[in-house]
Amino acid sequence: MKKLLAIGIALGSLGSAHAALNFNLNTNYEVATIPNSGSIQVTFFGTVDVLLPTWDVHTASAEWPGLSPSGPFLAALFDSAFVTYVNGFNPGVDYSGAILSVTVNSTDLAGDYFYHSTTPDQLSEIVVFATDGANVAGDNEYYGVTLNPVPEPGTMVALGLGVAALARRRARRNV
């Protein structure tokens, strides 16, 4: 009977550890156009729900998204407000806002930046951990960025001429 009680207590504490934290991104995939020069930031927003009042978020990690399992990779940094939240001692306090920003440079290649180097068959991952001082719980989200090339100037000129021709044709019909 004591063994059953010990197993029940162990399973109960394991269940509560996993139920202590819920992390979600508002969207797992973002699409961006590669800038003509310089860089832009693609920001992922989300929420961290601490489900038990004695638990505190204390660590977060993120993998840089790659074009393929071997790269190239886009640099990713946690938002400063999120870092302040993680580094503070706020048991039971939730977070909502910017989580992570990915830098897209004008020199980056177009494509789907979803892979990471440590587990090539898996998408890039963000993990958030919380503790009550004795147990640790974590929750994760997968994310990625699709980079579209900048349209060539010739394509933009042709598109603009087509729109102008349609507008002129419509104006003539209305006269």
N, C-alpha and C. Protein backbone atom coordinates (compact mmCIF):
# COMPACT_ATOMS: atom_id res chain seq x y z
N MET A 1 0.81 -1.19 0.00
CA MET A 1 0.00 0.00 0.00
C MET A 1 0.87 1.27 0.00
N LYS A 2 1.97 1.24 0.77
CA LYS A 2 2.86 2.39 0.81
C LYS A 2 3.47 2.65 -0.57
N LYS A 3 3.78 1.55 -1.30
CA LYS A 3 4.34 1.72 -2.64
C LYS A 3 3.33 2.39 -3.56
N LEU A 4 2.08 1.99 -3.48
CA LEU A 4 1.04 2.59 -4.31
C LEU A 4 0.86 4.07 -3.97
N LEU A 5 0.90 4.39 -2.68
CA LEU A 5 0.77 5.77 -2.25
C LEU A 5 1.95 6.60 -2.76
N ALA A 6 3.16 6.06 -2.67
CA ALA A 6 4.35 6.77 -3.15
C ALA A 6 4.27 6.99 -4.65
N ILE A 7 3.82 5.98 -5.40
CA ILE A 7 3.68 6.12 -6.86
C ILE A 7 2.62 7.16 -7.17
N GLY A 8 1.51 7.15 -6.44
CA GLY A 8 0.45 8.13 -6.66
C GLY A 8 0.92 9.55 -6.39
N ILE A 9 1.68 9.73 -5.32
CA ILE A 9 2.21 11.06 -5.00
C ILE A 9 3.19 11.51 -6.07
N ALA A 10 4.06 10.61 -6.51
CA ALA A 10 5.03 10.94 -7.56
C ALA A 10 4.32 11.33 -8.85
N LEU A 11 3.33 10.55 -9.25
CA LEU A 11 2.59 10.86 -10.48
C LEU A 11 1.81 12.15 -10.33
N GLY A 12 1.27 12.40 -9.15
CA GLY A 12 0.53 13.64 -8.91
C GLY A 12 1.42 14.86 -9.00
N SER A 13 2.63 14.79 -8.43
CA SER A 13 3.54 15.93 -8.51
C SER A 13 4.05 16.12 -9.92
N LEU A 14 4.24 15.04 -10.67
CA LEU A 14 4.65 15.15 -12.06
C LEU A 14 3.55 15.82 -12.88
N GLY A 15 2.32 15.44 -12.64
CA GLY A 15 1.19 16.05 -13.35
C GLY A 15 1.06 17.52 -13.03
N SER A 16 1.25 17.89 -11.78
CA SER A 16 1.13 19.30 -11.42
C SER A 16 2.28 20.10 -12.00
N ALA A 17 3.47 19.51 -12.13
CA ALA A 17 4.60 20.22 -12.71
C ALA A 17 4.32 20.56 -14.18
N HIS A 18 3.75 19.62 -14.90
CA HIS A 18 3.46 19.87 -16.31
C HIS A 18 2.27 20.81 -16.48
N ALA A 19 1.40 20.87 -15.48
CA ALA A 19 0.22 21.73 -15.56
C ALA A 19 0.49 23.11 -14.97
N ALA A 20 1.73 23.42 -14.61
CA ALA A 20 2.03 24.69 -13.96
C ALA A 20 2.23 25.82 -14.95
N LEU A 21 2.38 25.53 -16.24
CA LEU A 21 2.78 26.54 -17.21
C LEU A 21 2.12 26.27 -18.55
N ASN A 22 1.66 27.34 -19.19
CA ASN A 22 1.11 27.23 -20.54
C ASN A 22 1.68 28.37 -21.36
N PHE A 23 2.46 28.05 -22.40
CA PHE A 23 3.11 29.03 -23.26
C PHE A 23 2.54 28.91 -24.66
N ASN A 24 2.13 30.02 -25.24
CA ASN A 24 1.57 30.03 -26.59
C ASN A 24 2.08 31.22 -27.38
N LEU A 25 2.38 30.99 -28.66
CA LEU A 25 2.64 32.09 -29.59
C LEU A 25 1.34 32.44 -30.28
N ASN A 26 1.14 33.72 -30.58
CA ASN A 26 -0.07 34.13 -31.30
C ASN A 26 -0.09 33.54 -32.70
N THR A 27 1.07 33.47 -33.33
CA THR A 27 1.22 32.84 -34.63
C THR A 27 2.58 32.16 -34.68
N ASN A 28 2.63 30.97 -35.26
CA ASN A 28 3.88 30.22 -35.30
C ASN A 28 4.72 30.53 -36.54
N TYR A 29 4.11 31.14 -37.53
CA TYR A 29 4.83 31.43 -38.78
C TYR A 29 4.58 32.87 -39.19
N GLU A 30 5.63 33.52 -39.57
CA GLU A 30 5.54 34.89 -40.08
C GLU A 30 6.14 34.91 -41.49
N VAL A 31 5.64 35.81 -42.31
CA VAL A 31 6.14 35.99 -43.68
C VAL A 31 6.68 37.40 -43.78
N ALA A 32 7.88 37.54 -44.34
CA ALA A 32 8.50 38.85 -44.49
C ALA A 32 9.14 38.96 -45.86
N THR A 33 9.22 40.18 -46.37
CA THR A 33 9.93 40.45 -47.61
C THR A 33 11.32 40.91 -47.25
N ILE A 34 12.30 40.33 -47.89
CA ILE A 34 13.70 40.70 -47.64
C ILE A 34 13.87 42.18 -47.99
N PRO A 35 14.43 42.98 -47.09
CA PRO A 35 14.58 44.42 -47.39
C PRO A 35 15.61 44.66 -48.49
N ASN A 36 15.47 45.79 -49.19
CA ASN A 36 16.44 46.16 -50.24
C ASN A 36 17.82 46.43 -49.64
N SER A 37 17.85 46.99 -48.44
CA SER A 37 19.12 47.25 -47.76
C SER A 37 18.87 47.22 -46.26
N GLY A 38 19.92 47.03 -45.51
CA GLY A 38 19.79 47.00 -44.05
C GLY A 38 19.10 45.74 -43.55
N SER A 39 18.30 45.90 -42.51
CA SER A 39 17.62 44.75 -41.92
C SER A 39 16.27 45.17 -41.36
N ILE A 40 15.41 44.18 -41.13
CA ILE A 40 14.12 44.38 -40.48
C ILE A 40 13.99 43.34 -39.37
N GLN A 41 13.06 43.58 -38.46
CA GLN A 41 12.79 42.66 -37.38
C GLN A 41 11.42 42.01 -37.59
N VAL A 42 11.36 40.70 -37.44
CA VAL A 42 10.10 39.97 -37.46
C VAL A 42 9.86 39.53 -36.01
N THR A 43 8.78 40.02 -35.41
CA THR A 43 8.54 39.80 -33.99
C THR A 43 7.41 38.81 -33.78
N PHE A 44 7.64 37.87 -32.88
CA PHE A 44 6.64 36.89 -32.48
C PHE A 44 6.06 37.32 -31.13
N PHE A 45 4.74 37.35 -31.05
CA PHE A 45 4.04 37.74 -29.84
C PHE A 45 3.38 36.51 -29.23
N GLY A 46 3.17 36.55 -27.92
CA GLY A 46 2.53 35.41 -27.28
C GLY A 46 2.21 35.66 -25.83
N THR A 47 1.83 34.57 -25.15
CA THR A 47 1.47 34.64 -23.74
C THR A 47 2.14 33.51 -22.97
N VAL A 48 2.44 33.81 -21.72
CA VAL A 48 2.91 32.81 -20.77
C VAL A 48 1.92 32.84 -19.62
N ASP A 49 1.21 31.75 -19.41
CA ASP A 49 0.26 31.65 -18.32
C ASP A 49 0.84 30.76 -17.23
N VAL A 50 1.10 31.34 -16.08
CA VAL A 50 1.57 30.58 -14.92
C VAL A 50 0.30 30.14 -14.20
N LEU A 51 0.05 28.84 -14.20
CA LEU A 51 -1.23 28.32 -13.73
C LEU A 51 -1.30 28.09 -12.22
N LEU A 52 -0.15 28.08 -11.56
CA LEU A 52 -0.13 27.87 -10.11
C LEU A 52 0.53 29.08 -9.45
N PRO A 53 -0.03 29.60 -8.37
CA PRO A 53 0.43 30.86 -7.79
C PRO A 53 1.84 30.83 -7.19
N THR A 54 2.38 29.65 -6.91
CA THR A 54 3.72 29.59 -6.31
C THR A 54 4.80 29.36 -7.35
N TRP A 55 4.43 29.23 -8.61
CA TRP A 55 5.41 28.96 -9.67
C TRP A 55 5.88 30.27 -10.30
N ASP A 56 7.16 30.27 -10.70
CA ASP A 56 7.79 31.46 -11.28
C ASP A 56 8.53 31.07 -12.55
N VAL A 57 8.33 31.82 -13.62
CA VAL A 57 9.09 31.60 -14.85
C VAL A 57 10.52 32.05 -14.59
N HIS A 58 11.48 31.18 -14.90
CA HIS A 58 12.87 31.51 -14.57
C HIS A 58 13.84 31.34 -15.73
N THR A 59 13.44 30.68 -16.81
CA THR A 59 14.35 30.45 -17.93
C THR A 59 13.55 30.36 -19.22
N ALA A 60 14.19 30.79 -20.32
CA ALA A 60 13.63 30.60 -21.66
C ALA A 60 14.79 30.38 -22.62
N SER A 61 14.56 29.59 -23.65
CA SER A 61 15.59 29.36 -24.66
C SER A 61 14.93 29.35 -26.03
N ALA A 62 15.71 29.70 -27.04
CA ALA A 62 15.20 29.72 -28.42
C ALA A 62 16.28 29.25 -29.37
N GLU A 63 15.87 28.51 -30.37
CA GLU A 63 16.79 28.08 -31.42
C GLU A 63 16.63 29.04 -32.60
N TRP A 64 17.73 29.31 -33.27
CA TRP A 64 17.68 30.19 -34.43
C TRP A 64 17.11 29.41 -35.61
N PRO A 65 16.17 30.01 -36.34
CA PRO A 65 15.58 29.30 -37.48
C PRO A 65 16.57 29.24 -38.65
N GLY A 66 16.61 28.07 -39.30
CA GLY A 66 17.52 27.87 -40.42
C GLY A 66 16.79 27.57 -41.72
N LEU A 67 17.44 27.89 -42.83
CA LEU A 67 16.88 27.62 -44.15
C LEU A 67 16.89 26.13 -44.44
N SER A 68 17.86 25.44 -43.89
CA SER A 68 17.94 23.99 -43.99
C SER A 68 18.58 23.50 -42.69
N PRO A 69 18.64 22.20 -42.48
CA PRO A 69 19.27 21.72 -41.23
C PRO A 69 20.71 22.20 -41.04
N SER A 70 21.39 22.53 -42.12
CA SER A 70 22.78 22.98 -42.00
C SER A 70 22.92 24.49 -42.15
N GLY A 71 21.80 25.21 -42.29
CA GLY A 71 21.84 26.67 -42.39
C GLY A 71 21.64 27.16 -43.80
N PRO A 72 21.78 28.42 -44.03
CA PRO A 72 22.09 29.50 -43.09
C PRO A 72 20.95 29.74 -42.10
N PHE A 73 21.29 30.44 -41.02
CA PHE A 73 20.35 30.70 -39.93
C PHE A 73 20.09 32.20 -39.79
N LEU A 74 18.92 32.52 -39.27
CA LEU A 74 18.57 33.90 -38.95
C LEU A 74 18.79 34.10 -37.44
N ALA A 75 19.35 35.24 -37.08
CA ALA A 75 19.58 35.54 -35.66
C ALA A 75 18.26 35.86 -34.97
N ALA A 76 18.10 35.37 -33.74
CA ALA A 76 16.88 35.60 -32.97
C ALA A 76 17.26 36.06 -31.56
N LEU A 77 16.53 37.05 -31.05
CA LEU A 77 16.77 37.56 -29.70
C LEU A 77 15.44 37.74 -28.98
N PHE A 78 15.44 37.44 -27.68
CA PHE A 78 14.25 37.67 -26.88
C PHE A 78 14.01 39.16 -26.73
N ASP A 79 12.73 39.56 -26.69
CA ASP A 79 12.34 40.94 -26.48
C ASP A 79 12.77 41.37 -25.07
N SER A 80 13.18 42.63 -24.93
CA SER A 80 13.70 43.10 -23.63
C SER A 80 12.64 43.03 -22.52
N ALA A 81 11.38 43.29 -22.84
CA ALA A 81 10.32 43.19 -21.81
C ALA A 81 10.15 41.74 -21.36
N PHE A 82 10.28 40.80 -22.30
CA PHE A 82 10.17 39.39 -21.95
C PHE A 82 11.36 38.96 -21.10
N VAL A 83 12.56 39.44 -21.42
CA VAL A 83 13.76 39.13 -20.63
C VAL A 83 13.59 39.66 -19.21
N THR A 84 13.06 40.86 -19.07
CA THR A 84 12.81 41.43 -17.74
C THR A 84 11.83 40.56 -16.96
N TYR A 85 10.79 40.09 -17.63
CA TYR A 85 9.80 39.21 -16.99
C TYR A 85 10.46 37.91 -16.52
N VAL A 86 11.25 37.28 -17.38
CA VAL A 86 11.89 36.01 -17.04
C VAL A 86 12.90 36.19 -15.90
N ASN A 87 13.65 37.28 -15.93
CA ASN A 87 14.68 37.51 -14.91
C ASN A 87 14.13 37.99 -13.58
N GLY A 88 12.89 38.46 -13.56
CA GLY A 88 12.28 38.93 -12.31
C GLY A 88 11.75 37.75 -11.51
N PHE A 89 11.49 38.00 -10.24
CA PHE A 89 10.88 36.96 -9.40
C PHE A 89 9.43 37.36 -9.19
N ASN A 90 8.53 36.73 -9.97
CA ASN A 90 7.11 37.08 -9.97
C ASN A 90 6.25 35.82 -9.92
N PRO A 91 6.21 35.11 -8.81
CA PRO A 91 5.42 33.88 -8.75
C PRO A 91 3.96 34.13 -9.14
N GLY A 92 3.46 33.27 -10.02
CA GLY A 92 2.07 33.32 -10.43
C GLY A 92 1.72 34.41 -11.42
N VAL A 93 2.70 35.20 -11.86
CA VAL A 93 2.42 36.33 -12.75
C VAL A 93 2.53 35.87 -14.21
N ASP A 94 1.53 36.27 -15.01
CA ASP A 94 1.49 35.93 -16.43
C ASP A 94 2.19 37.01 -17.25
N TYR A 95 2.46 36.69 -18.52
CA TYR A 95 3.08 37.64 -19.45
C TYR A 95 2.33 37.59 -20.77
N SER A 96 2.16 38.75 -21.37
CA SER A 96 1.57 38.84 -22.70
C SER A 96 2.27 39.96 -23.45
N GLY A 97 2.76 39.65 -24.64
CA GLY A 97 3.46 40.68 -25.42
C GLY A 97 4.48 40.06 -26.35
N ALA A 98 5.44 40.90 -26.75
CA ALA A 98 6.49 40.45 -27.66
C ALA A 98 7.37 39.42 -26.94
N ILE A 99 7.65 38.33 -27.63
CA ILE A 99 8.48 37.26 -27.05
C ILE A 99 9.87 37.26 -27.69
N LEU A 100 9.91 37.24 -29.01
CA LEU A 100 11.17 37.02 -29.73
C LEU A 100 11.16 37.79 -31.04
N SER A 101 12.31 38.35 -31.41
CA SER A 101 12.46 39.01 -32.71
C SER A 101 13.54 38.32 -33.52
N VAL A 102 13.25 38.13 -34.80
CA VAL A 102 14.18 37.52 -35.73
C VAL A 102 14.66 38.61 -36.68
N THR A 103 15.96 38.70 -36.89
CA THR A 103 16.53 39.72 -37.77
C THR A 103 16.62 39.18 -39.19
N VAL A 104 16.07 39.95 -40.13
CA VAL A 104 16.14 39.62 -41.55
C VAL A 104 16.99 40.68 -42.23
N ASN A 105 18.12 40.25 -42.81
CA ASN A 105 19.04 41.17 -43.48
C ASN A 105 18.80 41.16 -44.98
N SER A 106 19.21 42.23 -45.63
CA SER A 106 19.05 42.34 -47.09
C SER A 106 19.85 41.26 -47.82
N THR A 107 20.83 40.69 -47.17
CA THR A 107 21.67 39.67 -47.79
C THR A 107 21.16 38.24 -47.56
N ASP A 108 20.08 38.08 -46.79
CA ASP A 108 19.54 36.74 -46.52
C ASP A 108 18.88 36.16 -47.76
N LEU A 109 18.92 34.84 -47.87
CA LEU A 109 18.32 34.14 -48.99
C LEU A 109 16.83 33.95 -48.76
N ALA A 110 16.05 33.94 -49.83
CA ALA A 110 14.62 33.68 -49.73
C ALA A 110 14.40 32.21 -49.38
N GLY A 111 13.29 31.93 -48.69
CA GLY A 111 12.95 30.55 -48.36
C GLY A 111 12.30 30.43 -47.00
N ASP A 112 12.07 29.18 -46.59
CA ASP A 112 11.43 28.87 -45.31
C ASP A 112 12.49 28.59 -44.25
N TYR A 113 12.59 29.47 -43.28
CA TYR A 113 13.56 29.34 -42.19
C TYR A 113 12.85 28.68 -41.00
N PHE A 114 12.81 27.35 -41.02
CA PHE A 114 12.11 26.60 -39.99
C PHE A 114 13.03 25.64 -39.24
N TYR A 115 14.12 25.23 -39.83
CA TYR A 115 14.94 24.17 -39.26
C TYR A 115 15.95 24.70 -38.26
N HIS A 116 16.40 23.81 -37.39
CA HIS A 116 17.51 24.16 -36.50
C HIS A 116 18.56 23.05 -36.55
N SER A 117 19.72 23.39 -36.09
CA SER A 117 20.88 22.51 -36.29
C SER A 117 20.89 21.28 -35.39
N THR A 118 20.30 21.34 -34.21
CA THR A 118 20.43 20.22 -33.29
C THR A 118 19.48 19.06 -33.58
N THR A 119 18.32 19.34 -34.12
CA THR A 119 17.35 18.30 -34.48
C THR A 119 16.81 18.63 -35.87
N PRO A 120 17.48 18.18 -36.92
CA PRO A 120 17.14 18.61 -38.29
C PRO A 120 15.71 18.31 -38.73
N ASP A 121 15.03 17.34 -38.14
CA ASP A 121 13.68 17.02 -38.57
C ASP A 121 12.62 17.82 -37.84
N GLN A 122 13.03 18.76 -37.04
CA GLN A 122 12.10 19.50 -36.19
C GLN A 122 12.16 20.99 -36.52
N LEU A 123 11.07 21.70 -36.29
CA LEU A 123 11.05 23.14 -36.50
C LEU A 123 11.82 23.84 -35.39
N SER A 124 12.13 25.11 -35.62
CA SER A 124 12.78 25.92 -34.59
C SER A 124 11.86 25.99 -33.38
N GLU A 125 12.46 26.09 -32.20
CA GLU A 125 11.69 25.93 -30.98
C GLU A 125 12.03 27.00 -29.96
N ILE A 126 11.00 27.45 -29.24
CA ILE A 126 11.15 28.32 -28.08
C ILE A 126 10.62 27.53 -26.88
N VAL A 127 11.38 27.50 -25.79
CA VAL A 127 10.97 26.77 -24.58
C VAL A 127 11.00 27.74 -23.40
N VAL A 128 9.96 27.69 -22.58
CA VAL A 128 9.87 28.51 -21.36
C VAL A 128 9.75 27.55 -20.17
N PHE A 129 10.52 27.83 -19.11
CA PHE A 129 10.53 26.98 -17.92
C PHE A 129 10.09 27.77 -16.69
N ALA A 130 9.39 27.09 -15.79
CA ALA A 130 8.98 27.67 -14.51
C ALA A 130 9.32 26.69 -13.40
N THR A 131 9.41 27.20 -12.18
CA THR A 131 9.72 26.36 -11.03
C THR A 131 8.96 26.82 -9.80
N ASP A 132 8.75 25.89 -8.90
CA ASP A 132 8.20 26.23 -7.59
C ASP A 132 9.29 26.10 -6.52
N GLY A 133 10.52 25.95 -6.95
CA GLY A 133 11.65 25.78 -6.04
C GLY A 133 12.08 24.34 -5.90
N ALA A 134 11.17 23.40 -6.14
CA ALA A 134 11.49 21.98 -6.03
C ALA A 134 11.28 21.27 -7.37
N ASN A 135 10.30 21.70 -8.14
CA ASN A 135 9.97 21.07 -9.42
C ASN A 135 10.17 22.08 -10.54
N VAL A 136 10.37 21.55 -11.75
CA VAL A 136 10.52 22.40 -12.93
C VAL A 136 9.52 21.92 -13.98
N ALA A 137 8.86 22.88 -14.62
CA ALA A 137 7.93 22.58 -15.71
C ALA A 137 8.34 23.42 -16.91
N GLY A 138 8.12 22.88 -18.09
CA GLY A 138 8.43 23.60 -19.31
C GLY A 138 7.33 23.45 -20.33
N ASP A 139 7.23 24.41 -21.20
CA ASP A 139 6.30 24.33 -22.33
C ASP A 139 6.99 24.95 -23.53
N ASN A 140 6.68 24.44 -24.70
CA ASN A 140 7.37 24.89 -25.89
C ASN A 140 6.41 25.26 -27.01
N GLU A 141 6.93 26.01 -27.96
CA GLU A 141 6.23 26.37 -29.19
C GLU A 141 7.24 26.30 -30.33
N TYR A 142 6.77 25.90 -31.48
CA TYR A 142 7.61 25.86 -32.68
C TYR A 142 7.30 27.09 -33.52
N TYR A 143 8.32 27.58 -34.24
CA TYR A 143 8.12 28.79 -35.03
C TYR A 143 9.01 28.78 -36.26
N GLY A 144 8.70 29.67 -37.19
CA GLY A 144 9.50 29.81 -38.39
C GLY A 144 9.15 31.09 -39.13
N VAL A 145 10.03 31.45 -40.07
CA VAL A 145 9.86 32.66 -40.87
C VAL A 145 10.05 32.29 -42.34
N THR A 146 9.13 32.73 -43.17
CA THR A 146 9.28 32.57 -44.62
C THR A 146 9.72 33.92 -45.17
N LEU A 147 10.84 33.92 -45.89
CA LEU A 147 11.35 35.15 -46.50
C LEU A 147 11.05 35.13 -47.98
N ASN A 148 10.37 36.17 -48.43
CA ASN A 148 10.09 36.34 -49.85
C ASN A 148 11.10 37.31 -50.44
N PRO A 149 11.51 37.05 -51.68
CA PRO A 149 12.48 37.97 -52.31
C PRO A 149 11.81 39.31 -52.61
N VAL A 150 12.63 40.34 -52.72
CA VAL A 150 12.15 41.65 -53.13
C VAL A 150 11.80 41.54 -54.61
N PRO A 151 10.61 42.01 -55.02
CA PRO A 151 10.28 41.96 -56.44
C PRO A 151 11.31 42.75 -57.26
N GLU A 152 11.66 42.22 -58.42
CA GLU A 152 12.63 42.89 -59.28
C GLU A 152 12.04 44.21 -59.77
N PRO A 153 12.87 45.22 -60.00
CA PRO A 153 12.35 46.51 -60.47
C PRO A 153 11.55 46.40 -61.76
N GLY A 154 11.97 45.53 -62.66
CA GLY A 154 11.25 45.36 -63.93
C GLY A 154 9.84 44.84 -63.69
N THR A 155 9.68 43.94 -62.76
CA THR A 155 8.37 43.39 -62.43
C THR A 155 7.49 44.48 -61.84
N MET A 156 8.04 45.31 -60.98
CA MET A 156 7.28 46.39 -60.36
C MET A 156 6.85 47.42 -61.42
N VAL A 157 7.73 47.73 -62.39
CA VAL A 157 7.39 48.68 -63.45
C VAL A 157 6.26 48.12 -64.30
N ALA A 158 6.36 46.84 -64.68
CA ALA A 158 5.31 46.21 -65.48
C ALA A 158 3.97 46.21 -64.74
N LEU A 159 4.00 45.90 -63.46
CA LEU A 159 2.79 45.91 -62.66
C LEU A 159 2.20 47.32 -62.60
N GLY A 160 3.03 48.32 -62.38
CA GLY A 160 2.56 49.71 -62.33
C GLY A 160 1.97 50.17 -63.65
N LEU A 161 2.60 49.80 -64.78
CA LEU A 161 2.06 50.16 -66.10
C LEU A 161 0.72 49.49 -66.34
N GLY A 162 0.58 48.25 -65.91
CA GLY A 162 -0.70 47.53 -66.07
C GLY A 162 -1.82 48.19 -65.28
N VAL A 163 -1.53 48.59 -64.06
CA VAL A 163 -2.53 49.27 -63.23
C VAL A 163 -2.90 50.62 -63.85
N ALA A 164 -1.90 51.37 -64.35
CA ALA A 164 -2.16 52.66 -64.98
C ALA A 164 -3.02 52.50 -66.23
N ALA A 165 -2.75 51.47 -67.03
CA ALA A 165 -3.54 51.22 -68.24
C ALA A 165 -4.98 50.88 -67.89
N LEU A 166 -5.18 50.06 -66.86
CA LEU A 166 -6.54 49.73 -66.44
C LEU A 166 -7.28 50.97 -65.93
N ALA A 167 -6.61 51.81 -65.18
CA ALA A 167 -7.22 53.04 -64.67
C ALA A 167 -7.60 53.97 -65.82
N ARG A 168 -6.73 54.09 -66.82
CA ARG A 168 -7.00 54.95 -67.98
C ARG A 168 -8.19 54.40 -68.77
N ARG A 169 -8.23 53.09 -68.95
CA ARG A 169 -9.32 52.47 -69.69
C ARG A 169 -10.65 52.70 -68.97
N ARG A 170 -10.65 52.55 -67.66
CA ARG A 170 -11.86 52.76 -66.87
C ARG A 170 -12.30 54.22 -66.95
N ALA A 171 -11.35 55.16 -66.92
CA ALA A 171 -11.68 56.58 -67.02
C ALA A 171 -12.32 56.92 -68.36
N ARG A 172 -11.85 56.30 -69.43
CA ARG A 172 -12.42 56.54 -70.77
C ARG A 172 -13.84 56.01 -70.85
N ARG A 173 -14.12 54.89 -70.21
CA ARG A 173 -15.46 54.29 -70.25
C ARG A 173 -16.48 55.17 -69.53
N ASN A 174 -16.03 55.84 -68.49
CA ASN A 174 -16.92 56.68 -67.68
C ASN A 174 -17.23 58.03 -68.32
N VAL A 175 -16.58 58.38 -69.41
CA VAL A 175 -16.79 59.69 -70.06
C VAL A 175 -17.96 59.64 -71.01
